[in-house]
Amino acid sequence: MRLLVLSAFIALTLSACDQPAPEPTIPPATTEAAPAPAAAPAAPAETVVATPPEGTCGDQSALASEERLANTPKWSLASEQDNFGFDVFRGDTEEGEFIKLNENPILGAGTTDETQKYQYRDDSIDPCREYWYYVESISTDGVREKMTPTFKAAAKRSPRAEASGQ
């Protein structure tokens, strides 16, 4: 039995297709004058984590595919040997249960020493939920092997706040 041999170099990224940039927030104006800051040594800049923009949650199937928010797992291989292809799996938690997303395998390059880049666009997501993914390789002999660690895709949106009836 021949095993699929992939190079040790695997780069995984997850990009957000069609994700609108969050709008900057401007603090409200105040009428009081702020006290002058005391002279102090400069502090290192704080790291600010952007929150996802508000928006509609749930099923996006009513939208055209190119208009849907998506998670796009991407991976690259420095070389491949006897590689038939890949399947991409998604779960709601890191522990799973995972479902295979692609109907047909994403075709591999067979045997090559050239770097190959791959991706899968998952536009069947609820943009307000986080998901977990992994990629499985398939050799030309049909041997399947989990190729990547399980990785997280953050939510693309926060649920839009409901208007209160006040």
N, C-alpha and C. Protein backbone atom coordinates (compact mmCIF):
# COMPACT_ATOMS: atom_id res chain seq x y z
N MET A 1 0.85 -1.18 0.00
CA MET A 1 0.00 0.00 0.00
C MET A 1 0.89 1.24 0.00
N ARG A 2 0.66 2.15 -0.94
CA ARG A 2 1.45 3.35 -1.07
C ARG A 2 0.74 4.50 -0.40
N LEU A 3 1.42 5.22 0.46
CA LEU A 3 0.82 6.37 1.15
C LEU A 3 1.10 7.65 0.41
N LEU A 4 0.21 8.57 0.51
CA LEU A 4 0.38 9.88 -0.08
C LEU A 4 1.45 10.61 0.71
N VAL A 5 2.47 11.11 0.03
CA VAL A 5 3.53 11.84 0.70
C VAL A 5 3.43 13.29 0.29
N LEU A 6 3.22 14.15 1.26
CA LEU A 6 3.15 15.58 1.02
C LEU A 6 4.31 16.23 1.74
N SER A 7 4.78 17.33 1.22
CA SER A 7 5.91 17.98 1.87
C SER A 7 5.49 18.51 3.23
N ALA A 8 6.47 18.79 4.05
CA ALA A 8 6.20 19.28 5.40
C ALA A 8 5.71 20.72 5.39
N PHE A 9 5.86 21.41 4.29
CA PHE A 9 5.45 22.81 4.21
C PHE A 9 3.98 22.91 3.85
N ILE A 10 3.17 23.27 4.80
CA ILE A 10 1.75 23.49 4.56
C ILE A 10 1.41 24.85 5.16
N ALA A 11 0.90 25.72 4.35
CA ALA A 11 0.50 27.03 4.84
C ALA A 11 -1.02 27.10 4.80
N LEU A 12 -1.63 27.40 5.92
CA LEU A 12 -3.09 27.50 5.99
C LEU A 12 -3.47 28.92 6.31
N THR A 13 -4.42 29.41 5.56
CA THR A 13 -4.99 30.70 5.89
C THR A 13 -6.49 30.60 5.69
N LEU A 14 -7.18 31.51 6.28
CA LEU A 14 -8.62 31.56 6.10
C LEU A 14 -8.96 32.99 5.80
N SER A 15 -9.51 33.23 4.63
CA SER A 15 -9.84 34.60 4.27
C SER A 15 -11.34 34.79 4.26
N ALA A 16 -11.74 36.01 4.44
CA ALA A 16 -13.16 36.32 4.43
C ALA A 16 -13.48 36.99 3.10
N CYS A 17 -14.14 36.28 2.24
CA CYS A 17 -14.53 36.86 0.96
C CYS A 17 -15.71 37.78 1.16
N ASP A 18 -15.72 38.85 0.46
CA ASP A 18 -16.85 39.78 0.44
C ASP A 18 -17.20 40.31 1.82
N GLN A 19 -16.24 40.33 2.73
CA GLN A 19 -16.55 40.85 4.07
C GLN A 19 -16.34 42.35 4.06
N PRO A 20 -17.39 43.12 4.34
CA PRO A 20 -17.22 44.56 4.38
C PRO A 20 -16.34 44.96 5.56
N ALA A 21 -15.54 45.98 5.35
CA ALA A 21 -14.68 46.45 6.44
C ALA A 21 -15.55 47.10 7.51
N PRO A 22 -15.21 46.87 8.80
CA PRO A 22 -16.00 47.51 9.84
C PRO A 22 -15.87 49.02 9.75
N GLU A 23 -16.97 49.72 10.00
CA GLU A 23 -16.94 51.16 9.96
C GLU A 23 -16.27 51.67 11.23
N PRO A 24 -15.44 52.72 11.10
CA PRO A 24 -14.78 53.25 12.30
C PRO A 24 -15.80 53.88 13.24
N THR A 25 -15.53 53.77 14.53
CA THR A 25 -16.42 54.40 15.50
C THR A 25 -15.79 55.70 15.97
N ILE A 26 -16.60 56.72 16.07
CA ILE A 26 -16.14 58.03 16.51
C ILE A 26 -16.75 58.29 17.87
N PRO A 27 -15.92 58.61 18.87
CA PRO A 27 -16.48 58.86 20.20
C PRO A 27 -17.38 60.09 20.18
N PRO A 28 -18.42 60.08 21.02
CA PRO A 28 -19.33 61.23 21.05
C PRO A 28 -18.61 62.48 21.53
N ALA A 29 -19.04 63.63 21.01
CA ALA A 29 -18.44 64.90 21.42
C ALA A 29 -18.87 65.23 22.84
N THR A 30 -17.99 65.86 23.59
CA THR A 30 -18.33 66.27 24.96
C THR A 30 -18.27 67.78 25.04
N THR A 31 -19.00 68.35 25.98
CA THR A 31 -19.02 69.80 26.14
C THR A 31 -18.01 70.25 27.17
N GLU A 32 -17.51 69.34 28.01
CA GLU A 32 -16.53 69.70 29.01
C GLU A 32 -15.14 69.63 28.40
N ALA A 33 -14.28 70.55 28.82
CA ALA A 33 -12.89 70.51 28.36
C ALA A 33 -12.17 69.42 29.12
N ALA A 34 -11.42 68.65 28.41
CA ALA A 34 -10.66 67.58 29.04
C ALA A 34 -9.43 68.17 29.69
N PRO A 35 -9.04 67.66 30.88
CA PRO A 35 -7.83 68.18 31.51
C PRO A 35 -6.62 67.87 30.65
N ALA A 36 -5.64 68.76 30.70
CA ALA A 36 -4.42 68.55 29.92
C ALA A 36 -3.69 67.32 30.46
N PRO A 37 -3.19 66.47 29.58
CA PRO A 37 -2.49 65.28 30.05
C PRO A 37 -1.17 65.65 30.69
N ALA A 38 -0.82 64.93 31.76
CA ALA A 38 0.45 65.14 32.42
C ALA A 38 1.54 64.55 31.55
N ALA A 39 2.72 65.13 31.62
CA ALA A 39 3.84 64.61 30.84
C ALA A 39 4.21 63.24 31.39
N ALA A 40 4.21 62.25 30.55
CA ALA A 40 4.54 60.89 30.97
C ALA A 40 5.25 60.20 29.82
N PRO A 41 6.02 59.18 30.14
CA PRO A 41 6.68 58.46 29.06
C PRO A 41 5.65 57.83 28.13
N ALA A 42 5.99 57.74 26.88
CA ALA A 42 5.06 57.17 25.89
C ALA A 42 4.84 55.69 26.19
N ALA A 43 3.58 55.29 26.19
CA ALA A 43 3.23 53.89 26.43
C ALA A 43 3.14 53.17 25.09
N PRO A 44 3.40 51.87 25.08
CA PRO A 44 3.26 51.15 23.81
C PRO A 44 1.81 51.17 23.35
N ALA A 45 1.62 51.17 22.04
CA ALA A 45 0.27 51.21 21.47
C ALA A 45 -0.49 49.95 21.84
N GLU A 46 -1.79 50.11 22.10
CA GLU A 46 -2.64 48.96 22.42
C GLU A 46 -3.05 48.24 21.15
N THR A 47 -3.20 46.94 21.26
CA THR A 47 -3.71 46.16 20.15
C THR A 47 -5.22 46.19 20.23
N VAL A 48 -5.87 46.63 19.16
CA VAL A 48 -7.31 46.73 19.12
C VAL A 48 -7.85 45.58 18.27
N VAL A 49 -8.77 44.82 18.83
CA VAL A 49 -9.39 43.73 18.10
C VAL A 49 -10.70 44.24 17.53
N ALA A 50 -10.81 44.18 16.22
CA ALA A 50 -12.02 44.68 15.56
C ALA A 50 -13.16 43.69 15.76
N THR A 51 -14.33 44.22 16.07
CA THR A 51 -15.51 43.37 16.17
C THR A 51 -16.15 43.31 14.80
N PRO A 52 -16.78 42.19 14.48
CA PRO A 52 -17.41 42.10 13.17
C PRO A 52 -18.53 43.12 13.04
N PRO A 53 -18.78 43.60 11.83
CA PRO A 53 -19.87 44.55 11.64
C PRO A 53 -21.21 43.87 11.88
N GLU A 54 -22.24 44.66 12.22
CA GLU A 54 -23.57 44.11 12.40
C GLU A 54 -24.18 43.79 11.05
N GLY A 55 -25.06 42.80 11.03
CA GLY A 55 -25.70 42.46 9.77
C GLY A 55 -26.72 41.35 9.94
N THR A 56 -27.26 40.92 8.83
CA THR A 56 -28.26 39.88 8.81
C THR A 56 -27.62 38.52 9.03
N CYS A 57 -28.23 37.69 9.85
CA CYS A 57 -27.73 36.35 10.14
C CYS A 57 -28.59 35.32 9.43
N GLY A 58 -28.11 34.09 9.43
CA GLY A 58 -28.91 32.98 8.93
C GLY A 58 -28.53 32.54 7.53
N ASP A 59 -29.46 31.85 6.91
CA ASP A 59 -29.28 31.26 5.59
C ASP A 59 -29.10 32.35 4.53
N GLN A 60 -28.09 32.20 3.68
CA GLN A 60 -27.82 33.16 2.62
C GLN A 60 -28.23 32.64 1.24
N SER A 61 -28.93 31.52 1.19
CA SER A 61 -29.21 30.87 -0.09
C SER A 61 -30.07 31.72 -1.03
N ALA A 62 -30.78 32.72 -0.52
CA ALA A 62 -31.58 33.58 -1.38
C ALA A 62 -30.70 34.57 -2.16
N LEU A 63 -29.46 34.75 -1.72
CA LEU A 63 -28.52 35.65 -2.40
C LEU A 63 -27.78 34.91 -3.49
N ALA A 64 -27.35 35.63 -4.51
CA ALA A 64 -26.48 35.04 -5.53
C ALA A 64 -25.17 34.64 -4.87
N SER A 65 -24.55 33.58 -5.34
CA SER A 65 -23.34 33.04 -4.74
C SER A 65 -22.26 34.11 -4.54
N GLU A 66 -22.07 34.97 -5.55
CA GLU A 66 -21.01 35.99 -5.45
C GLU A 66 -21.34 37.08 -4.43
N GLU A 67 -22.59 37.17 -3.98
CA GLU A 67 -22.98 38.17 -2.98
C GLU A 67 -22.92 37.63 -1.55
N ARG A 68 -22.74 36.34 -1.38
CA ARG A 68 -22.73 35.73 -0.05
C ARG A 68 -21.39 35.92 0.63
N LEU A 69 -21.44 36.10 1.95
CA LEU A 69 -20.21 36.07 2.74
C LEU A 69 -19.74 34.63 2.80
N ALA A 70 -18.43 34.42 2.83
CA ALA A 70 -17.90 33.06 2.76
C ALA A 70 -16.65 32.92 3.60
N ASN A 71 -16.35 31.69 3.98
CA ASN A 71 -15.06 31.32 4.54
C ASN A 71 -14.31 30.61 3.41
N THR A 72 -13.05 30.93 3.23
CA THR A 72 -12.27 30.33 2.16
C THR A 72 -10.99 29.72 2.72
N PRO A 73 -11.04 28.43 3.10
CA PRO A 73 -9.80 27.77 3.51
C PRO A 73 -8.85 27.71 2.32
N LYS A 74 -7.57 28.05 2.56
CA LYS A 74 -6.53 28.02 1.53
C LYS A 74 -5.36 27.23 2.09
N TRP A 75 -4.72 26.44 1.24
CA TRP A 75 -3.54 25.70 1.65
C TRP A 75 -2.61 25.58 0.46
N SER A 76 -1.32 25.42 0.73
CA SER A 76 -0.35 25.24 -0.34
C SER A 76 0.61 24.13 0.05
N LEU A 77 1.15 23.48 -0.96
CA LEU A 77 2.09 22.39 -0.76
C LEU A 77 3.34 22.67 -1.58
N ALA A 78 4.51 22.48 -0.99
CA ALA A 78 5.77 22.70 -1.70
C ALA A 78 6.02 21.59 -2.71
N SER A 79 5.52 20.38 -2.44
CA SER A 79 5.63 19.27 -3.39
C SER A 79 4.54 18.26 -3.07
N GLU A 80 4.27 17.39 -4.03
CA GLU A 80 3.25 16.36 -3.87
C GLU A 80 3.74 15.06 -4.50
N GLN A 81 3.29 13.94 -3.96
CA GLN A 81 3.59 12.64 -4.55
C GLN A 81 2.32 11.80 -4.54
N ASP A 82 1.91 11.36 -5.71
CA ASP A 82 0.72 10.52 -5.88
C ASP A 82 -0.51 11.15 -5.23
N ASN A 83 -0.70 12.43 -5.45
CA ASN A 83 -1.82 13.16 -4.85
C ASN A 83 -2.99 13.24 -5.82
N PHE A 84 -4.09 12.57 -5.50
CA PHE A 84 -5.30 12.65 -6.31
C PHE A 84 -6.06 13.94 -6.03
N GLY A 85 -6.23 14.29 -4.74
CA GLY A 85 -6.98 15.50 -4.43
C GLY A 85 -7.25 15.69 -2.95
N PHE A 86 -8.27 16.53 -2.66
CA PHE A 86 -8.56 16.94 -1.30
C PHE A 86 -10.07 17.03 -1.08
N ASP A 87 -10.47 16.81 0.17
CA ASP A 87 -11.83 17.08 0.62
C ASP A 87 -11.73 18.07 1.78
N VAL A 88 -12.70 18.98 1.87
CA VAL A 88 -12.75 19.99 2.92
C VAL A 88 -13.92 19.66 3.83
N PHE A 89 -13.67 19.69 5.15
CA PHE A 89 -14.68 19.35 6.14
C PHE A 89 -14.94 20.55 7.05
N ARG A 90 -16.21 20.70 7.49
CA ARG A 90 -16.60 21.80 8.38
C ARG A 90 -17.40 21.26 9.54
N GLY A 91 -17.16 21.83 10.73
CA GLY A 91 -17.92 21.49 11.93
C GLY A 91 -18.32 22.74 12.68
N ASP A 92 -19.29 22.57 13.59
CA ASP A 92 -19.75 23.70 14.41
C ASP A 92 -18.89 23.91 15.65
N THR A 93 -18.10 22.88 16.02
CA THR A 93 -17.19 22.96 17.16
C THR A 93 -15.87 22.33 16.76
N GLU A 94 -14.84 22.58 17.54
CA GLU A 94 -13.52 22.01 17.25
C GLU A 94 -13.54 20.48 17.33
N GLU A 95 -14.40 19.95 18.18
CA GLU A 95 -14.48 18.50 18.36
C GLU A 95 -15.34 17.83 17.29
N GLY A 96 -16.07 18.61 16.51
CA GLY A 96 -16.90 18.04 15.43
C GLY A 96 -18.30 17.82 15.92
N GLU A 97 -19.06 17.27 15.22
CA GLU A 97 -19.16 16.43 14.05
C GLU A 97 -18.88 17.28 12.80
N PHE A 98 -18.08 16.72 11.89
CA PHE A 98 -17.69 17.41 10.67
C PHE A 98 -18.42 16.82 9.47
N ILE A 99 -18.76 17.70 8.52
CA ILE A 99 -19.38 17.25 7.28
C ILE A 99 -18.46 17.61 6.12
N LYS A 100 -18.44 16.76 5.11
CA LYS A 100 -17.66 17.04 3.90
C LYS A 100 -18.43 18.07 3.08
N LEU A 101 -17.74 19.13 2.65
CA LEU A 101 -18.39 20.23 1.94
C LEU A 101 -18.40 20.06 0.43
N ASN A 102 -17.31 19.59 -0.14
CA ASN A 102 -17.22 19.51 -1.60
C ASN A 102 -17.80 18.20 -2.10
N GLU A 103 -18.63 18.31 -3.15
CA GLU A 103 -19.26 17.12 -3.73
C GLU A 103 -18.23 16.23 -4.40
N ASN A 104 -17.31 16.84 -5.15
CA ASN A 104 -16.23 16.12 -5.82
C ASN A 104 -14.91 16.58 -5.24
N PRO A 105 -13.89 15.71 -5.23
CA PRO A 105 -12.59 16.14 -4.68
C PRO A 105 -12.02 17.33 -5.45
N ILE A 106 -11.31 18.18 -4.72
CA ILE A 106 -10.53 19.25 -5.34
C ILE A 106 -9.29 18.56 -5.88
N LEU A 107 -9.10 18.59 -7.19
CA LEU A 107 -8.03 17.80 -7.80
C LEU A 107 -6.65 18.27 -7.39
N GLY A 108 -5.77 17.32 -7.05
CA GLY A 108 -4.39 17.59 -6.71
C GLY A 108 -3.53 17.58 -7.97
N ALA A 109 -2.24 17.78 -7.79
CA ALA A 109 -1.31 17.88 -8.92
C ALA A 109 -0.61 16.57 -9.22
N GLY A 110 -1.00 15.48 -8.55
CA GLY A 110 -0.33 14.19 -8.81
C GLY A 110 1.00 14.14 -8.11
N THR A 111 2.07 14.10 -8.89
CA THR A 111 3.43 14.12 -8.35
C THR A 111 4.15 15.31 -8.95
N THR A 112 4.64 16.19 -8.10
CA THR A 112 5.32 17.40 -8.57
C THR A 112 6.23 17.94 -7.47
N ASP A 113 7.29 18.63 -7.89
CA ASP A 113 8.17 19.33 -6.96
C ASP A 113 7.89 20.83 -6.96
N GLU A 114 6.86 21.24 -7.70
CA GLU A 114 6.49 22.65 -7.77
C GLU A 114 5.42 22.96 -6.72
N THR A 115 5.50 24.16 -6.14
CA THR A 115 4.52 24.59 -5.15
C THR A 115 3.14 24.72 -5.81
N GLN A 116 2.14 24.17 -5.14
CA GLN A 116 0.76 24.23 -5.61
C GLN A 116 -0.09 24.93 -4.55
N LYS A 117 -1.03 25.75 -4.98
CA LYS A 117 -1.93 26.46 -4.06
C LYS A 117 -3.36 26.00 -4.33
N TYR A 118 -4.10 25.81 -3.23
CA TYR A 118 -5.48 25.32 -3.32
C TYR A 118 -6.37 26.16 -2.42
N GLN A 119 -7.67 26.14 -2.72
CA GLN A 119 -8.65 26.81 -1.86
C GLN A 119 -10.03 26.24 -2.11
N TYR A 120 -10.91 26.49 -1.13
CA TYR A 120 -12.31 26.10 -1.27
C TYR A 120 -13.16 27.22 -0.68
N ARG A 121 -14.09 27.75 -1.45
CA ARG A 121 -14.96 28.84 -0.99
C ARG A 121 -16.25 28.24 -0.43
N ASP A 122 -16.46 28.42 0.89
CA ASP A 122 -17.65 27.91 1.56
C ASP A 122 -18.62 29.07 1.78
N ASP A 123 -19.60 29.20 0.86
CA ASP A 123 -20.57 30.28 0.97
C ASP A 123 -21.90 29.79 1.54
N SER A 124 -21.89 28.60 2.15
CA SER A 124 -23.11 28.05 2.76
C SER A 124 -23.14 28.31 4.27
N ILE A 125 -22.42 29.32 4.71
CA ILE A 125 -22.32 29.62 6.14
C ILE A 125 -23.42 30.57 6.61
N ASP A 126 -23.64 30.58 7.92
CA ASP A 126 -24.39 31.65 8.58
C ASP A 126 -23.31 32.66 8.98
N PRO A 127 -23.33 33.87 8.45
CA PRO A 127 -22.24 34.81 8.70
C PRO A 127 -22.09 35.24 10.17
N CYS A 128 -23.05 34.91 11.03
CA CYS A 128 -22.98 35.29 12.44
C CYS A 128 -22.45 34.16 13.31
N ARG A 129 -22.01 33.07 12.71
CA ARG A 129 -21.51 31.92 13.47
C ARG A 129 -20.05 31.65 13.13
N GLU A 130 -19.34 31.08 14.09
CA GLU A 130 -17.98 30.62 13.82
C GLU A 130 -18.04 29.15 13.40
N TYR A 131 -17.05 28.72 12.62
CA TYR A 131 -16.98 27.35 12.15
C TYR A 131 -15.56 26.84 12.30
N TRP A 132 -15.42 25.52 12.21
CA TRP A 132 -14.13 24.84 12.28
C TRP A 132 -13.95 24.02 11.00
N TYR A 133 -12.74 23.99 10.47
CA TYR A 133 -12.45 23.31 9.21
C TYR A 133 -11.21 22.43 9.33
N TYR A 134 -11.12 21.43 8.46
CA TYR A 134 -9.87 20.73 8.20
C TYR A 134 -9.90 20.20 6.79
N VAL A 135 -8.71 19.88 6.25
CA VAL A 135 -8.58 19.37 4.89
C VAL A 135 -8.02 17.96 4.96
N GLU A 136 -8.60 17.09 4.14
CA GLU A 136 -8.16 15.70 4.06
C GLU A 136 -7.58 15.47 2.66
N SER A 137 -6.43 14.80 2.60
CA SER A 137 -5.83 14.48 1.29
C SER A 137 -6.25 13.09 0.85
N ILE A 138 -6.26 12.89 -0.46
CA ILE A 138 -6.62 11.60 -1.04
C ILE A 138 -5.51 11.22 -2.00
N SER A 139 -4.88 10.05 -1.80
CA SER A 139 -3.82 9.61 -2.69
C SER A 139 -4.42 8.97 -3.94
N THR A 140 -3.59 8.74 -4.94
CA THR A 140 -4.05 8.08 -6.15
C THR A 140 -4.48 6.64 -5.88
N ASP A 141 -4.05 6.08 -4.74
CA ASP A 141 -4.48 4.73 -4.32
C ASP A 141 -5.74 4.76 -3.47
N GLY A 142 -6.29 5.96 -3.24
CA GLY A 142 -7.52 6.08 -2.46
C GLY A 142 -7.31 6.20 -0.96
N VAL A 143 -6.06 6.31 -0.52
CA VAL A 143 -5.78 6.47 0.91
C VAL A 143 -6.12 7.89 1.32
N ARG A 144 -6.94 8.01 2.37
CA ARG A 144 -7.36 9.33 2.88
C ARG A 144 -6.60 9.61 4.17
N GLU A 145 -6.21 10.87 4.32
CA GLU A 145 -5.41 11.26 5.48
C GLU A 145 -5.72 12.71 5.84
N LYS A 146 -5.99 12.96 7.13
CA LYS A 146 -6.21 14.33 7.59
C LYS A 146 -4.89 15.07 7.41
N MET A 147 -4.92 16.12 6.59
CA MET A 147 -3.69 16.80 6.20
C MET A 147 -3.41 18.05 7.01
N THR A 148 -4.44 18.69 7.53
CA THR A 148 -4.25 19.95 8.25
C THR A 148 -4.76 19.80 9.67
N PRO A 149 -4.31 20.67 10.56
CA PRO A 149 -4.96 20.71 11.87
C PRO A 149 -6.37 21.28 11.69
N THR A 150 -7.20 21.12 12.70
CA THR A 150 -8.52 21.73 12.69
C THR A 150 -8.33 23.20 13.01
N PHE A 151 -8.91 24.08 12.18
CA PHE A 151 -8.72 25.52 12.38
C PHE A 151 -10.06 26.23 12.39
N LYS A 152 -10.07 27.38 13.06
CA LYS A 152 -11.30 28.13 13.32
C LYS A 152 -11.46 29.30 12.34
N ALA A 153 -12.70 29.50 11.90
CA ALA A 153 -13.08 30.69 11.13
C ALA A 153 -14.05 31.49 11.98
N ALA A 154 -13.68 32.71 12.29
CA ALA A 154 -14.52 33.57 13.13
C ALA A 154 -15.78 34.00 12.38
N ALA A 155 -16.78 34.43 13.13
CA ALA A 155 -18.01 34.97 12.54
C ALA A 155 -17.68 36.21 11.71
N LYS A 156 -18.41 36.40 10.64
CA LYS A 156 -18.20 37.55 9.76
C LYS A 156 -19.02 38.76 10.19
N ARG A 157 -20.10 38.51 10.94
CA ARG A 157 -21.01 39.56 11.38
C ARG A 157 -21.46 39.30 12.80
N SER A 158 -21.89 40.38 13.46
CA SER A 158 -22.61 40.28 14.72
C SER A 158 -24.08 40.43 14.38
N PRO A 159 -24.97 39.75 15.12
CA PRO A 159 -26.40 39.91 14.83
C PRO A 159 -26.81 41.37 14.96
N ARG A 160 -27.63 41.81 14.06
CA ARG A 160 -28.14 43.20 14.09
C ARG A 160 -29.05 43.33 15.30
N ALA A 161 -28.86 44.36 16.10
CA ALA A 161 -29.68 44.58 17.29
C ALA A 161 -31.13 44.85 16.87
N GLU A 162 -32.06 44.22 17.56
CA GLU A 162 -33.49 44.43 17.29
C GLU A 162 -33.90 45.79 17.86
N ALA A 163 -34.72 46.50 17.15
CA ALA A 163 -35.21 47.79 17.62
C ALA A 163 -36.14 47.56 18.79
N SER A 164 -35.93 48.28 19.87
CA SER A 164 -36.82 48.12 21.02
C SER A 164 -38.05 48.99 20.82
N GLY A 165 -39.15 48.54 21.32
CA GLY A 165 -40.43 49.23 21.12
C GLY A 165 -40.66 50.35 22.12
N GLN A 166 -39.68 51.19 22.40
CA GLN A 166 -39.84 52.28 23.36
C GLN A 166 -40.22 53.54 22.70
